[in-house]
PDB file of N, CA and C in Angstrom:
ATOM      1  N   UNK A   1      44.058  23.811 101.726  1.00  0.00           N
ATOM      2  CA  UNK A   1      45.357  24.015 102.313  1.00  0.00           C
ATOM      3  C   UNK A   1      45.996  25.318 101.861  1.00  0.00           C
ATOM      4  N   UNK A   2      45.361  26.062 100.991  1.00  0.00           N
ATOM      5  CA  UNK A   2      45.943  27.323 100.556  1.00  0.00           C
ATOM      6  C   UNK A   2      45.279  28.513 101.238  1.00  0.00           C
ATOM      7  N   UNK A   3      44.417  28.276 102.144  1.00  0.00           N
ATOM      8  CA  UNK A   3      43.732  29.359 102.851  1.00  0.00           C
ATOM      9  C   UNK A   3      44.461  29.644 104.166  1.00  0.00           C
ATOM     10  N   UNK A   4      45.594  30.318 104.044  1.00  0.00           N
ATOM     11  CA  UNK A   4      46.416  30.562 105.220  1.00  0.00           C
ATOM     12  C   UNK A   4      45.804  31.585 106.172  1.00  0.00           C
ATOM     13  N   UNK A   5      44.828  32.333 105.708  1.00  0.00           N
ATOM     14  CA  UNK A   5      44.216  33.328 106.588  1.00  0.00           C
ATOM     15  C   UNK A   5      43.374  32.678 107.680  1.00  0.00           C
ATOM     16  N   UNK A   6      43.160  31.380 107.606  1.00  0.00           N
ATOM     17  CA  UNK A   6      42.441  30.688 108.668  1.00  0.00           C
ATOM     18  C   UNK A   6      43.212  30.823 109.983  1.00  0.00           C
ATOM     19  N   UNK A   7      44.507  31.066 109.904  1.00  0.00           N
ATOM     20  CA  UNK A   7      45.307  31.244 111.119  1.00  0.00           C
ATOM     21  C   UNK A   7      44.808  32.433 111.934  1.00  0.00           C
ATOM     22  N   UNK A   8      44.340  33.488 111.261  1.00  0.00           N
ATOM     23  CA  UNK A   8      43.794  34.638 111.986  1.00  0.00           C
ATOM     24  C   UNK A   8      42.532  34.239 112.744  1.00  0.00           C
ATOM     25  N   UNK A   9      41.709  33.405 112.137  1.00  0.00           N
ATOM     26  CA  UNK A   9      40.493  32.938 112.795  1.00  0.00           C
ATOM     27  C   UNK A   9      40.849  32.085 114.010  1.00  0.00           C
ATOM     28  N   UNK A  10      41.848  31.234 113.871  1.00  0.00           N
ATOM     29  CA  UNK A  10      42.263  30.375 114.985  1.00  0.00           C
ATOM     30  C   UNK A  10      42.783  31.221 116.143  1.00  0.00           C
ATOM     31  N   UNK A  11      43.569  32.240 115.836  1.00  0.00           N
ATOM     32  CA  UNK A  11      44.084  33.120 116.893  1.00  0.00           C
ATOM     33  C   UNK A  11      42.928  33.851 117.577  1.00  0.00           C
ATOM     34  N   UNK A  12      41.977  34.352 116.797  1.00  0.00           N
ATOM     35  CA  UNK A  12      40.818  35.043 117.385  1.00  0.00           C
ATOM     36  C   UNK A  12      40.003  34.090 118.253  1.00  0.00           C
ATOM     37  N   UNK A  13      39.832  32.864 117.801  1.00  0.00           N
ATOM     38  CA  UNK A  13      39.103  31.871 118.593  1.00  0.00           C
ATOM     39  C   UNK A  13      39.821  31.585 119.900  1.00  0.00           C
ATOM     40  N   UNK A  14      41.131  31.442 119.844  1.00  0.00           N
ATOM     41  CA  UNK A  14      41.906  31.185 121.055  1.00  0.00           C
ATOM     42  C   UNK A  14      41.801  32.354 122.037  1.00  0.00           C
ATOM     43  N   UNK A  15      41.902  33.575 121.528  1.00  0.00           N
ATOM     44  CA  UNK A  15      41.762  34.754 122.395  1.00  0.00           C
ATOM     45  C   UNK A  15      40.366  34.789 123.019  1.00  0.00           C
ATOM     46  N   UNK A  16      39.352  34.495 122.210  1.00  0.00           N
ATOM     47  CA  UNK A  16      37.986  34.465 122.721  1.00  0.00           C
ATOM     48  C   UNK A  16      37.798  33.420 123.805  1.00  0.00           C
ATOM     49  N   UNK A  17      38.404  32.263 123.621  1.00  0.00           N
ATOM     50  CA  UNK A  17      38.306  31.226 124.649  1.00  0.00           C
ATOM     51  C   UNK A  17      39.022  31.640 125.927  1.00  0.00           C
ATOM     52  N   UNK A  18      40.176  32.269 125.777  1.00  0.00           N
ATOM     53  CA  UNK A  18      40.934  32.663 126.966  1.00  0.00           C
ATOM     54  C   UNK A  18      40.264  33.781 127.747  1.00  0.00           C
ATOM     55  N   UNK A  19      39.545  34.663 127.066  1.00  0.00           N
ATOM     56  CA  UNK A  19      38.958  35.825 127.738  1.00  0.00           C
ATOM     57  C   UNK A  19      37.536  35.607 128.241  1.00  0.00           C
ATOM     58  N   UNK A  20      36.971  34.438 128.003  1.00  0.00           N
ATOM     59  CA  UNK A  20      35.606  34.163 128.450  1.00  0.00           C
ATOM     60  C   UNK A  20      35.587  32.970 129.394  1.00  0.00           C
ATOM     61  N   UNK A  21      34.415  32.687 129.893  1.00  0.00           N
ATOM     62  CA  UNK A  21      34.285  31.539 130.801  1.00  0.00           C
ATOM     63  C   UNK A  21      34.437  30.203 130.074  1.00  0.00           C
ATOM     64  N   UNK A  22      34.519  30.225 128.757  1.00  0.00           N
ATOM     65  CA  UNK A  22      34.692  28.990 127.990  1.00  0.00           C
ATOM     66  C   UNK A  22      36.128  28.481 128.038  1.00  0.00           C
ATOM     67  N   UNK A  23      37.008  29.172 128.783  1.00  0.00           N
ATOM     68  CA  UNK A  23      38.405  28.753 128.849  1.00  0.00           C
ATOM     69  C   UNK A  23      38.568  27.368 129.447  1.00  0.00           C
ATOM     70  N   UNK A  24      37.542  26.892 130.140  1.00  0.00           N
ATOM     71  CA  UNK A  24      37.578  25.538 130.696  1.00  0.00           C
ATOM     72  C   UNK A  24      37.681  24.469 129.624  1.00  0.00           C
ATOM     73  N   UNK A  25      37.248  24.788 128.433  1.00  0.00           N
ATOM     74  CA  UNK A  25      37.350  23.817 127.324  1.00  0.00           C
ATOM     75  C   UNK A  25      38.804  23.540 126.960  1.00  0.00           C
ATOM     76  N   UNK A  26      39.694  24.459 127.276  1.00  0.00           N
ATOM     77  CA  UNK A  26      41.104  24.255 126.975  1.00  0.00           C
ATOM     78  C   UNK A  26      41.777  23.299 127.962  1.00  0.00           C
ATOM     79  N   UNK A  27      41.078  22.922 129.035  1.00  0.00           N
ATOM     80  CA  UNK A  27      41.625  21.983 130.007  1.00  0.00           C
ATOM     81  C   UNK A  27      41.490  20.543 129.517  1.00  0.00           C
ATOM     82  N   UNK A  28      40.710  20.336 128.489  1.00  0.00           N
ATOM     83  CA  UNK A  28      40.510  18.997 127.931  1.00  0.00           C
ATOM     84  C   UNK A  28      41.584  18.718 126.879  1.00  0.00           C
ATOM     85  N   UNK A  29      41.844  17.457 126.591  1.00  0.00           N
ATOM     86  CA  UNK A  29      42.875  17.142 125.596  1.00  0.00           C
ATOM     87  C   UNK A  29      42.424  17.339 124.145  1.00  0.00           C
ATOM     88  N   UNK A  30      41.145  17.459 123.912  1.00  0.00           N
ATOM     89  CA  UNK A  30      40.620  17.555 122.556  1.00  0.00           C
ATOM     90  C   UNK A  30      41.223  18.666 121.709  1.00  0.00           C
ATOM     91  N   UNK A  31      41.267  19.913 122.201  1.00  0.00           N
ATOM     92  CA  UNK A  31      41.839  20.985 121.381  1.00  0.00           C
ATOM     93  C   UNK A  31      43.305  20.758 121.019  1.00  0.00           C
ATOM     94  N   UNK A  32      44.046  20.135 121.911  1.00  0.00           N
ATOM     95  CA  UNK A  32      45.465  19.916 121.658  1.00  0.00           C
ATOM     96  C   UNK A  32      45.684  18.772 120.668  1.00  0.00           C
ATOM     97  N   UNK A  33      44.856  17.749 120.761  1.00  0.00           N
ATOM     98  CA  UNK A  33      44.922  16.650 119.793  1.00  0.00           C
ATOM     99  C   UNK A  33      44.564  17.184 118.402  1.00  0.00           C
ATOM    100  N   UNK A  34      43.536  18.005 118.329  1.00  0.00           N
ATOM    101  CA  UNK A  34      43.135  18.590 117.047  1.00  0.00           C
ATOM    102  C   UNK A  34      44.228  19.499 116.494  1.00  0.00           C
ATOM    103  N   UNK A  35      44.887  20.266 117.352  1.00  0.00           N
ATOM    104  CA  UNK A  35      45.963  21.163 116.897  1.00  0.00           C
ATOM    105  C   UNK A  35      47.141  20.369 116.350  1.00  0.00           C
ATOM    106  N   UNK A  36      47.482  19.277 117.007  1.00  0.00           N
ATOM    107  CA  UNK A  36      48.580  18.433 116.520  1.00  0.00           C
ATOM    108  C   UNK A  36      48.199  17.801 115.183  1.00  0.00           C
ATOM    109  N   UNK A  37      46.980  17.293 115.068  1.00  0.00           N
ATOM    110  CA  UNK A  37      46.530  16.683 113.811  1.00  0.00           C
ATOM    111  C   UNK A  37      46.534  17.710 112.673  1.00  0.00           C
ATOM    112  N   UNK A  38      46.029  18.903 112.937  1.00  0.00           N
ATOM    113  CA  UNK A  38      46.011  19.947 111.912  1.00  0.00           C
ATOM    114  C   UNK A  38      47.425  20.349 111.519  1.00  0.00           C
ATOM    115  N   UNK A  39      48.319  20.428 112.482  1.00  0.00           N
ATOM    116  CA  UNK A  39      49.708  20.783 112.184  1.00  0.00           C
ATOM    117  C   UNK A  39      50.372  19.723 111.314  1.00  0.00           C
ATOM    118  N   UNK A  40      50.115  18.463 111.610  1.00  0.00           N
ATOM    119  CA  UNK A  40      50.693  17.391 110.800  1.00  0.00           C
ATOM    120  C   UNK A  40      50.143  17.405 109.379  1.00  0.00           C
ATOM    121  N   UNK A  41      48.889  17.774 109.217  1.00  0.00           N
ATOM    122  CA  UNK A  41      48.292  17.835 107.890  1.00  0.00           C
ATOM    123  C   UNK A  41      48.888  18.986 107.074  1.00  0.00           C
ATOM    124  N   UNK A  42      49.131  20.115 107.718  1.00  0.00           N
ATOM    125  CA  UNK A  42      49.608  21.307 107.025  1.00  0.00           C
ATOM    126  C   UNK A  42      51.127  21.312 106.856  1.00  0.00           C
ATOM    127  N   UNK A  43      51.837  20.543 107.635  1.00  0.00           N
ATOM    128  CA  UNK A  43      53.295  20.567 107.628  1.00  0.00           C
ATOM    129  C   UNK A  43      53.923  20.355 106.250  1.00  0.00           C
ATOM    130  N   UNK A  44      53.495  19.377 105.445  1.00  0.00           N
ATOM    131  CA  UNK A  44      54.108  19.233 104.110  1.00  0.00           C
ATOM    132  C   UNK A  44      53.924  20.473 103.241  1.00  0.00           C
ATOM    133  N   UNK A  45      52.776  21.115 103.345  1.00  0.00           N
ATOM    134  CA  UNK A  45      52.536  22.320 102.566  1.00  0.00           C
ATOM    135  C   UNK A  45      53.452  23.453 103.022  1.00  0.00           C
ATOM    136  N   UNK A  46      53.644  23.588 104.306  1.00  0.00           N
ATOM    137  CA  UNK A  46      54.543  24.626 104.820  1.00  0.00           C
ATOM    138  C   UNK A  46      55.985  24.367 104.397  1.00  0.00           C
ATOM    139  N   UNK A  47      56.399  23.099 104.393  1.00  0.00           N
ATOM    140  CA  UNK A  47      57.743  22.778 103.914  1.00  0.00           C
ATOM    141  C   UNK A  47      57.891  23.151 102.446  1.00  0.00           C
ATOM    142  N   UNK A  48      56.871  22.887 101.644  1.00  0.00           N
ATOM    143  CA  UNK A  48      56.921  23.227 100.222  1.00  0.00           C
ATOM    144  C   UNK A  48      57.013  24.743 100.054  1.00  0.00           C
ATOM    145  N   UNK A  49      56.200  25.484 100.803  1.00  0.00           N
ATOM    146  CA  UNK A  49      56.250  26.948 100.734  1.00  0.00           C
ATOM    147  C   UNK A  49      57.648  27.448 101.090  1.00  0.00           C
ATOM    148  N   UNK A  50      58.209  26.900 102.137  1.00  0.00           N
ATOM    149  CA  UNK A  50      59.536  27.315 102.586  1.00  0.00           C
ATOM    150  C   UNK A  50      60.584  27.012 101.520  1.00  0.00           C
ATOM    151  N   UNK A  51      60.520  25.810 100.929  1.00  0.00           N
ATOM    152  CA  UNK A  51      61.504  25.400  99.929  1.00  0.00           C
ATOM    153  C   UNK A  51      61.424  26.234  98.653  1.00  0.00           C
ATOM    154  N   UNK A  52      60.266  26.808  98.376  1.00  0.00           N
ATOM    155  CA  UNK A  52      60.078  27.571  97.143  1.00  0.00           C
ATOM    156  C   UNK A  52      60.017  29.084  97.379  1.00  0.00           C
ATOM    157  N   UNK A  53      60.471  29.534  98.524  1.00  0.00           N
ATOM    158  CA  UNK A  53      60.580  30.964  98.782  1.00  0.00           C
ATOM    159  C   UNK A  53      59.268  31.643  99.135  1.00  0.00           C
ATOM    160  N   UNK A  54      58.354  30.931  99.752  1.00  0.00           N
ATOM    161  CA  UNK A  54      57.074  31.471 100.208  1.00  0.00           C
ATOM    162  C   UNK A  54      56.291  32.163  99.087  1.00  0.00           C
ATOM    163  N   UNK A  55      55.937  31.452  98.016  1.00  0.00           N
ATOM    164  CA  UNK A  55      55.196  32.076  96.915  1.00  0.00           C
ATOM    165  C   UNK A  55      53.822  32.588  97.325  1.00  0.00           C
ATOM    166  N   UNK A  56      53.250  32.016  98.374  1.00  0.00           N
ATOM    167  CA  UNK A  56      51.952  32.511  98.824  1.00  0.00           C
ATOM    168  C   UNK A  56      52.052  33.968  99.273  1.00  0.00           C
ATOM    169  N   UNK A  57      53.139  34.325  99.931  1.00  0.00           N
ATOM    170  CA  UNK A  57      53.290  35.703 100.394  1.00  0.00           C
ATOM    171  C   UNK A  57      53.420  36.667  99.224  1.00  0.00           C
ATOM    172  N   UNK A  58      54.105  36.239  98.163  1.00  0.00           N
ATOM    173  CA  UNK A  58      54.205  37.078  96.968  1.00  0.00           C
ATOM    174  C   UNK A  58      52.834  37.258  96.326  1.00  0.00           C
ATOM    175  N   UNK A  59      52.074  36.164  96.254  1.00  0.00           N
ATOM    176  CA  UNK A  59      50.733  36.232  95.676  1.00  0.00           C
ATOM    177  C   UNK A  59      49.834  37.132  96.510  1.00  0.00           C
ATOM    178  N   UNK A  60      49.888  36.986  97.823  1.00  0.00           N
ATOM    179  CA  UNK A  60      49.050  37.798  98.699  1.00  0.00           C
ATOM    180  C   UNK A  60      49.406  39.277  98.582  1.00  0.00           C
ATOM    181  N   UNK A  61      50.690  39.582  98.460  1.00  0.00           N
ATOM    182  CA  UNK A  61      51.099  40.981  98.306  1.00  0.00           C
ATOM    183  C   UNK A  61      50.569  41.551  96.998  1.00  0.00           C
ATOM    184  N   UNK A  62      50.580  40.759  95.933  1.00  0.00           N
ATOM    185  CA  UNK A  62      50.065  41.228  94.642  1.00  0.00           C
ATOM    186  C   UNK A  62      48.571  41.466  94.708  1.00  0.00           C
ATOM    187  N   UNK A  63      47.850  40.617  95.429  1.00  0.00           N
ATOM    188  CA  UNK A  63      46.406  40.783  95.558  1.00  0.00           C
ATOM    189  C   UNK A  63      46.089  42.046  96.349  1.00  0.00           C
ATOM    190  N   UNK A  64      46.818  42.281  97.417  1.00  0.00           N
ATOM    191  CA  UNK A  64      46.581  43.466  98.247  1.00  0.00           C
ATOM    192  C   UNK A  64      46.848  44.738  97.451  1.00  0.00           C
ATOM    193  N   UNK A  65      47.894  44.732  96.646  1.00  0.00           N
ATOM    194  CA  UNK A  65      48.236  45.929  95.872  1.00  0.00           C
ATOM    195  C   UNK A  65      47.195  46.256  94.810  1.00  0.00           C
ATOM    196  N   UNK A  66      46.549  45.244  94.238  1.00  0.00           N
ATOM    197  CA  UNK A  66      45.615  45.492  93.139  1.00  0.00           C
ATOM    198  C   UNK A  66      44.158  45.361  93.553  1.00  0.00           C
ATOM    199  N   UNK A  67      43.876  45.254  94.821  1.00  0.00           N
ATOM    200  CA  UNK A  67      42.510  45.001  95.264  1.00  0.00           C
ATOM    201  C   UNK A  67      41.585  46.200  95.077  1.00  0.00           C
ATOM    202  N   UNK A  68      42.015  47.369  95.429  1.00  0.00           N
ATOM    203  CA  UNK A  68      41.145  48.543  95.391  1.00  0.00           C
ATOM    204  C   UNK A  68      41.557  49.513  94.287  1.00  0.00           C
ATOM    205  N   UNK A  69      41.782  48.986  93.125  1.00  0.00           N
ATOM    206  CA  UNK A  69      42.168  49.809  91.987  1.00  0.00           C
ATOM    207  C   UNK A  69      40.913  50.426  91.386  1.00  0.00           C
ATOM    208  N   UNK A  70      40.959  51.707  91.109  1.00  0.00           N
ATOM    209  CA  UNK A  70      39.823  52.405  90.511  1.00  0.00           C
ATOM    210  C   UNK A  70      40.044  52.468  89.009  1.00  0.00           C
ATOM    211  N   UNK A  71      39.078  51.932  88.265  1.00  0.00           N
ATOM    212  CA  UNK A  71      39.139  51.950  86.809  1.00  0.00           C
ATOM    213  C   UNK A  71      38.113  52.915  86.261  1.00  0.00           C
ATOM    214  N   UNK A  72      38.415  53.484  85.129  1.00  0.00           N
ATOM    215  CA  UNK A  72      37.446  54.309  84.431  1.00  0.00           C
ATOM    216  C   UNK A  72      36.376  53.380  83.853  1.00  0.00           C
ATOM    217  N   UNK A  73      35.118  53.841  83.726  1.00  0.00           N
ATOM    218  CA  UNK A  73      34.029  52.972  83.246  1.00  0.00           C
ATOM    219  C   UNK A  73      34.305  52.371  81.876  1.00  0.00           C
ATOM    220  N   UNK A  74      35.011  53.076  80.999  1.00  0.00           N
ATOM    221  CA  UNK A  74      35.224  52.550  79.644  1.00  0.00           C
ATOM    222  C   UNK A  74      36.317  51.486  79.603  1.00  0.00           C
ATOM    223  N   UNK A  75      37.053  51.261  80.678  1.00  0.00           N
ATOM    224  CA  UNK A  75      38.096  50.237  80.690  1.00  0.00           C
ATOM    225  C   UNK A  75      37.579  48.887  81.189  1.00  0.00           C
ATOM    226  N   UNK A  76      36.357  48.824  81.641  1.00  0.00           N
ATOM    227  CA  UNK A  76      35.819  47.570  82.201  1.00  0.00           C
ATOM    228  C   UNK A  76      35.371  46.604  81.126  1.00  0.00           C
ATOM    229  N   UNK A  77      35.195  47.039  79.911  1.00  0.00           N
ATOM    230  CA  UNK A  77      34.698  46.156  78.851  1.00  0.00           C
ATOM    231  C   UNK A  77      35.755  45.339  78.219  1.00  0.00           C
TER     232      UNK A  77
END
């Protein structure tokens, strides 16, 4: 439940379905039932994030800032 980047995959999947002949799969109730079930599962976590000031966004920003830091070879030990 802490892998919020899965939302990017879901958006890409939806775009792929809409732009190909597989869009017929969206006419069935299955994808919508699954989306509602997934939303209900994630909803308590989103409420917690909201109530605590979105700490995931702060963590993600810190990771992005320190991801490509260049260290001198003698500092790695």
